[in-house]
Amino acid sequence: MDKNSVYKTNSFYWDTKGNDFLGAIVLPFYGAFVSEEKCQLFGDVSGKKMLEIGCGNGQSLQYHGERKASELWAMDISEKQIEKASQHLKSCGLSAKLICSPMEEECGVPVDYFDFVYSIYAIGWTSDLEGTFCRIASYLKKDGVFIFSWSHPIHKCVVLENNGLAFKKCYFDESWYSVSLDEGTLTLSDRKLSTYVNALAKAGFVIEQMIEQSDDEIMQSRDGNSDFAKKAKMLPVTFVVKARKL
């Protein structure tokens, strides 16, 4: 898949459809049924410099701003999402340095500068995982922390059928494919967990924690009898990684 084609397709979708159809996954939630309030991966961020990869509407930046982070930075591939984030943060009395750029490219973000880099359901959009992780490592101070969440790859392979699970897709297939949503199109690749782990290692990270388990309390509070919740009780639908720069 041509990288520029991926940029063009996905940035157009986020500029025109945005999260009107997909919805926004924002902190304190890492994804379906996983929350920072339970996991405590960030801990105390007061006085910390934070960079978000794929900031969307800015609500995750708000979360850290209200917890007294000293600096908020973010990038997003979509001009429209950057605009939304800017307006939202202004309404909250917060400021951030927002940059419109693909996460794979050099875009003026300072190096060896941040205490935390994080990405809430955005890192999987990258067309160059190894390159993106290397860039993220360069932004972090020594011992800085990278936290990201994404859809668990096994979730994409399995469907709920007759109260059981059935495979619909090969777990090892990482080829790019198009998805049509609400009269728009997105381009995705479902990477194996080992692909993420190996790319982190290559970029100089050590994994400190990985979360796959859905939280039963959150599931029950959000219609625990839905098909999606039933599936989440049998396999992970979200994964979260906390890694540290060596």
Protein backbone atom coordinates (compact mmCIF):
# COMPACT_ATOMS: atom_id res chain seq x y z
CA MET A 1 0.00 0.00 0.00
CA ASP A 2 1.37 3.41 -1.00
CA LYS A 3 2.00 5.57 2.07
CA ASN A 4 0.73 8.75 0.44
CA SER A 5 -2.47 6.98 -0.56
CA VAL A 6 -3.00 5.96 3.08
CA TYR A 7 -2.45 9.58 4.24
CA LYS A 8 -4.81 10.97 1.64
CA THR A 9 -7.62 8.49 2.29
CA ASN A 10 -7.51 8.63 6.07
CA SER A 11 -6.94 12.37 6.48
CA PHE A 12 -9.87 13.03 4.11
CA TYR A 13 -12.10 10.79 6.22
CA TRP A 14 -11.15 12.52 9.48
CA ASP A 15 -11.53 15.95 7.88
CA THR A 16 -15.01 15.20 6.54
CA LYS A 17 -16.54 12.53 8.78
CA GLY A 18 -14.28 12.68 11.81
CA ASN A 19 -15.60 11.02 14.92
CA ASP A 20 -19.23 11.65 13.97
CA PHE A 21 -19.48 8.02 12.93
CA LEU A 22 -16.60 6.27 14.71
CA GLY A 23 -17.01 8.12 17.96
CA ALA A 24 -14.14 9.37 20.11
CA ILE A 25 -12.17 7.19 22.50
CA VAL A 26 -10.59 9.57 25.00
CA LEU A 27 -8.99 9.46 28.43
CA PRO A 28 -9.75 8.32 31.06
CA PHE A 29 -10.76 5.45 28.73
CA TYR A 30 -8.16 3.63 26.65
CA GLY A 31 -10.81 1.84 24.63
CA ALA A 32 -13.72 -0.46 25.32
CA PHE A 33 -13.83 -1.47 28.99
CA VAL A 34 -10.32 -0.27 29.98
CA SER A 35 -9.75 2.91 31.99
CA GLU A 36 -6.84 4.93 33.38
CA GLU A 37 -8.74 5.32 36.63
CA LYS A 38 -8.38 1.56 37.21
CA CYS A 39 -5.00 0.97 35.52
CA GLN A 40 -3.10 4.05 36.76
CA LEU A 41 -0.48 3.84 34.00
CA PHE A 42 0.29 7.58 34.02
CA GLY A 43 0.20 8.21 37.74
CA ASP A 44 0.86 11.83 38.77
CA VAL A 45 1.46 13.97 35.65
CA SER A 46 1.71 17.33 37.43
CA GLY A 47 4.64 19.30 36.03
CA LYS A 48 5.15 16.79 33.20
CA LYS A 49 5.56 17.55 29.51
CA MET A 50 3.06 15.55 27.43
CA LEU A 51 2.83 14.80 23.70
CA GLU A 52 -0.24 13.13 22.20
CA ILE A 53 -0.09 11.26 18.89
CA GLY A 54 -3.46 11.57 17.14
CA CYS A 55 -5.20 14.06 19.41
CA GLY A 56 -8.62 14.06 17.70
CA ASN A 57 -10.99 16.45 19.48
CA GLY A 58 -8.58 17.29 22.31
CA GLN A 59 -10.42 15.67 25.22
CA SER A 60 -7.45 13.50 26.24
CA LEU A 61 -5.29 16.64 26.30
CA GLN A 62 -7.94 18.22 28.53
CA TYR A 63 -7.67 15.23 30.88
CA HIS A 64 -3.95 15.82 31.40
CA GLY A 65 -4.27 19.59 31.46
CA GLU A 66 -6.75 19.36 34.32
CA ARG A 67 -4.24 17.15 36.14
CA LYS A 68 -1.66 19.95 35.99
CA ALA A 69 0.65 18.73 33.22
CA SER A 70 3.10 21.57 32.57
CA GLU A 71 3.04 21.41 28.75
CA LEU A 72 0.57 19.92 26.29
CA TRP A 73 1.64 19.11 22.74
CA ALA A 74 -0.14 17.06 20.09
CA MET A 75 -0.21 16.10 16.45
CA ASP A 76 -2.97 14.84 14.18
CA ILE A 77 -3.19 14.06 10.48
CA SER A 78 -6.46 16.02 10.13
CA GLU A 79 -6.72 19.81 9.96
CA LYS A 80 -10.35 19.51 11.05
CA GLN A 81 -9.46 17.53 14.17
CA ILE A 82 -6.71 20.03 15.06
CA GLU A 83 -9.29 22.80 14.71
CA LYS A 84 -11.74 20.93 16.97
CA ALA A 85 -9.04 20.30 19.57
CA SER A 86 -7.98 23.95 19.57
CA GLN A 87 -11.54 25.16 20.09
CA HIS A 88 -12.24 22.58 22.78
CA LEU A 89 -9.10 23.36 24.78
CA LYS A 90 -9.73 27.09 24.55
CA SER A 91 -13.23 26.55 25.96
CA CYS A 92 -11.62 24.68 28.89
CA GLY A 93 -9.11 27.44 29.56
CA LEU A 94 -6.20 25.28 28.41
CA SER A 95 -3.53 25.79 25.77
CA ALA A 96 -1.53 23.31 23.71
CA LYS A 97 0.92 23.30 20.84
CA LEU A 98 -1.01 21.51 18.06
CA ILE A 99 0.64 20.33 14.85
CA CYS A 100 -1.08 18.96 11.75
CA SER A 101 1.16 16.19 10.44
CA PRO A 102 1.30 12.46 9.82
CA MET A 103 2.87 10.79 12.85
CA GLU A 104 5.51 9.17 10.61
CA GLU A 105 7.04 12.48 9.50
CA GLU A 106 9.39 15.07 11.03
CA CYS A 107 7.18 17.99 12.03
CA GLY A 108 9.14 20.22 14.39
CA VAL A 109 8.44 18.34 17.63
CA PRO A 110 11.41 18.81 20.02
CA VAL A 111 13.61 15.78 20.74
CA ASP A 112 14.71 14.46 24.14
CA TYR A 113 12.05 16.72 25.62
CA PHE A 114 8.92 14.91 26.82
CA ASP A 115 8.19 12.96 29.97
CA PHE A 116 5.26 11.17 28.33
CA VAL A 117 4.20 10.44 24.76
CA TYR A 118 0.83 8.76 24.46
CA SER A 119 -1.71 7.71 21.85
CA ILE A 120 -5.32 6.70 22.54
CA TYR A 121 -6.63 4.52 19.69
CA ALA A 122 -4.55 6.31 17.06
CA ILE A 123 -1.19 4.52 16.74
CA GLY A 124 -2.68 1.80 14.52
CA TRP A 125 -3.29 4.34 11.76
CA THR A 126 0.43 4.66 11.07
CA SER A 127 1.69 3.43 7.72
CA ASP A 128 5.20 2.91 9.19
CA LEU A 129 5.08 1.39 12.68
CA GLU A 130 8.85 1.02 13.19
CA GLY A 131 9.53 4.52 11.92
CA THR A 132 6.82 6.00 14.12
CA PHE A 133 8.10 4.25 17.24
CA CYS A 134 11.64 5.48 16.50
CA ARG A 135 10.35 9.05 16.18
CA ILE A 136 8.43 8.72 19.44
CA ALA A 137 11.56 7.45 21.17
CA SER A 138 13.45 10.50 19.91
CA TYR A 139 10.84 12.85 21.42
CA LEU A 140 11.15 11.32 24.88
CA LYS A 141 13.72 12.07 27.55
CA LYS A 142 15.79 9.14 28.78
CA ASP A 143 13.48 6.98 30.93
CA GLY A 144 10.49 8.76 29.39
CA VAL A 145 7.26 6.77 29.05
CA PHE A 146 5.24 5.86 25.96
CA ILE A 147 1.65 4.68 26.51
CA PHE A 148 -0.66 3.65 23.69
CA SER A 149 -3.89 1.75 23.11
CA TRP A 150 -5.42 0.18 20.03
CA SER A 151 -7.94 -2.42 18.96
CA HIS A 152 -6.66 -5.88 19.93
CA PRO A 153 -5.74 -7.78 16.72
CA ILE A 154 -7.60 -10.93 17.78
CA HIS A 155 -10.78 -8.87 18.12
CA LYS A 156 -10.70 -8.14 14.38
CA CYS A 157 -10.34 -11.85 13.56
CA VAL A 158 -13.27 -13.25 15.53
CA VAL A 159 -17.04 -12.77 15.45
CA LEU A 160 -19.72 -13.80 17.93
CA GLU A 161 -21.97 -16.53 16.52
CA ASN A 162 -24.62 -18.48 18.46
CA ASN A 163 -23.05 -17.48 21.80
CA GLY A 164 -19.71 -18.80 20.57
CA LEU A 165 -16.72 -17.40 18.68
CA ALA A 166 -15.86 -18.04 15.04
CA PHE A 167 -12.79 -16.92 13.08
CA LYS A 168 -13.52 -14.71 10.08
CA LYS A 169 -9.96 -13.53 9.32
CA CYS A 170 -6.41 -14.85 9.57
CA TYR A 171 -4.56 -13.41 12.58
CA PHE A 172 -1.28 -13.38 10.61
CA ASP A 173 -2.68 -11.29 7.72
CA GLU A 174 -1.28 -7.75 8.03
CA SER A 175 -2.18 -6.58 4.53
CA TRP A 176 -3.83 -3.19 4.09
CA TYR A 177 -7.55 -3.10 3.31
CA SER A 178 -10.28 -0.52 2.77
CA VAL A 179 -13.29 -0.06 5.05
CA SER A 180 -16.40 1.83 3.95
CA LEU A 181 -18.08 3.75 6.77
CA ASP A 182 -20.92 6.26 6.52
CA GLU A 183 -20.22 7.06 2.85
CA GLY A 184 -16.53 7.45 3.63
CA THR A 185 -13.50 5.19 3.27
CA LEU A 186 -10.64 4.32 5.62
CA THR A 187 -7.48 2.28 5.03
CA LEU A 188 -6.28 -0.05 7.79
CA SER A 189 -3.82 -2.82 8.60
CA ASP A 190 -4.36 -5.25 11.49
CA ARG A 191 -0.91 -5.91 12.94
CA LYS A 192 -0.01 -8.85 15.17
CA LEU A 193 0.88 -8.16 18.80
CA SER A 194 4.39 -9.42 18.08
CA THR A 195 4.74 -6.74 15.39
CA TYR A 196 4.11 -4.04 18.00
CA VAL A 197 6.41 -5.68 20.58
CA ASN A 198 9.28 -6.12 18.12
CA ALA A 199 8.94 -2.57 16.80
CA LEU A 200 9.07 -1.21 20.35
CA ALA A 201 12.22 -3.23 21.08
CA LYS A 202 13.86 -2.05 17.86
CA ALA A 203 13.13 1.58 18.81
CA GLY A 204 14.82 1.16 22.20
CA PHE A 205 11.82 0.66 24.47
CA VAL A 206 11.31 -1.85 27.26
CA ILE A 207 7.70 -2.85 27.99
CA GLU A 208 6.73 -2.29 31.62
CA GLN A 209 3.08 -3.26 31.44
CA MET A 210 0.53 -4.60 28.96
CA ILE A 211 -3.21 -4.74 29.54
CA GLU A 212 -5.64 -6.96 27.62
CA GLN A 213 -8.28 -7.69 30.23
CA SER A 214 -11.67 -5.97 30.02
CA ASP A 215 -12.93 -4.44 33.26
CA ASP A 216 -16.04 -6.28 34.50
CA GLU A 217 -17.37 -3.26 36.37
CA ILE A 218 -17.18 -1.03 33.29
CA MET A 219 -18.81 -3.74 31.17
CA GLN A 220 -21.76 -4.06 33.54
CA SER A 221 -22.24 -0.29 33.63
CA ARG A 222 -22.26 -0.17 29.82
CA ASP A 223 -24.84 -2.81 28.89
CA GLY A 224 -23.02 -5.96 29.90
CA ASN A 225 -25.51 -8.07 27.95
CA SER A 226 -24.71 -6.59 24.54
CA ASP A 227 -23.07 -8.80 21.90
CA PHE A 228 -19.95 -6.66 22.11
CA ALA A 229 -19.71 -7.12 25.89
CA LYS A 230 -20.31 -10.86 25.55
CA LYS A 231 -17.41 -10.99 23.11
CA ALA A 232 -15.23 -8.91 25.45
CA LYS A 233 -15.79 -11.44 28.23
CA MET A 234 -14.24 -14.17 26.06
CA LEU A 235 -11.35 -12.33 24.39
CA PRO A 236 -9.58 -8.96 24.53
CA VAL A 237 -11.01 -6.16 22.38
CA THR A 238 -8.48 -3.50 23.42
CA PHE A 239 -4.81 -3.65 24.34
CA VAL A 240 -2.74 -1.04 26.15
CA VAL A 241 1.05 -0.89 26.40
CA LYS A 242 3.24 1.10 28.75
CA ALA A 243 6.88 1.20 27.61
CA ARG A 244 9.93 3.10 28.82
CA LYS A 245 12.74 4.56 26.73
CA LEU A 246 16.07 3.03 27.71
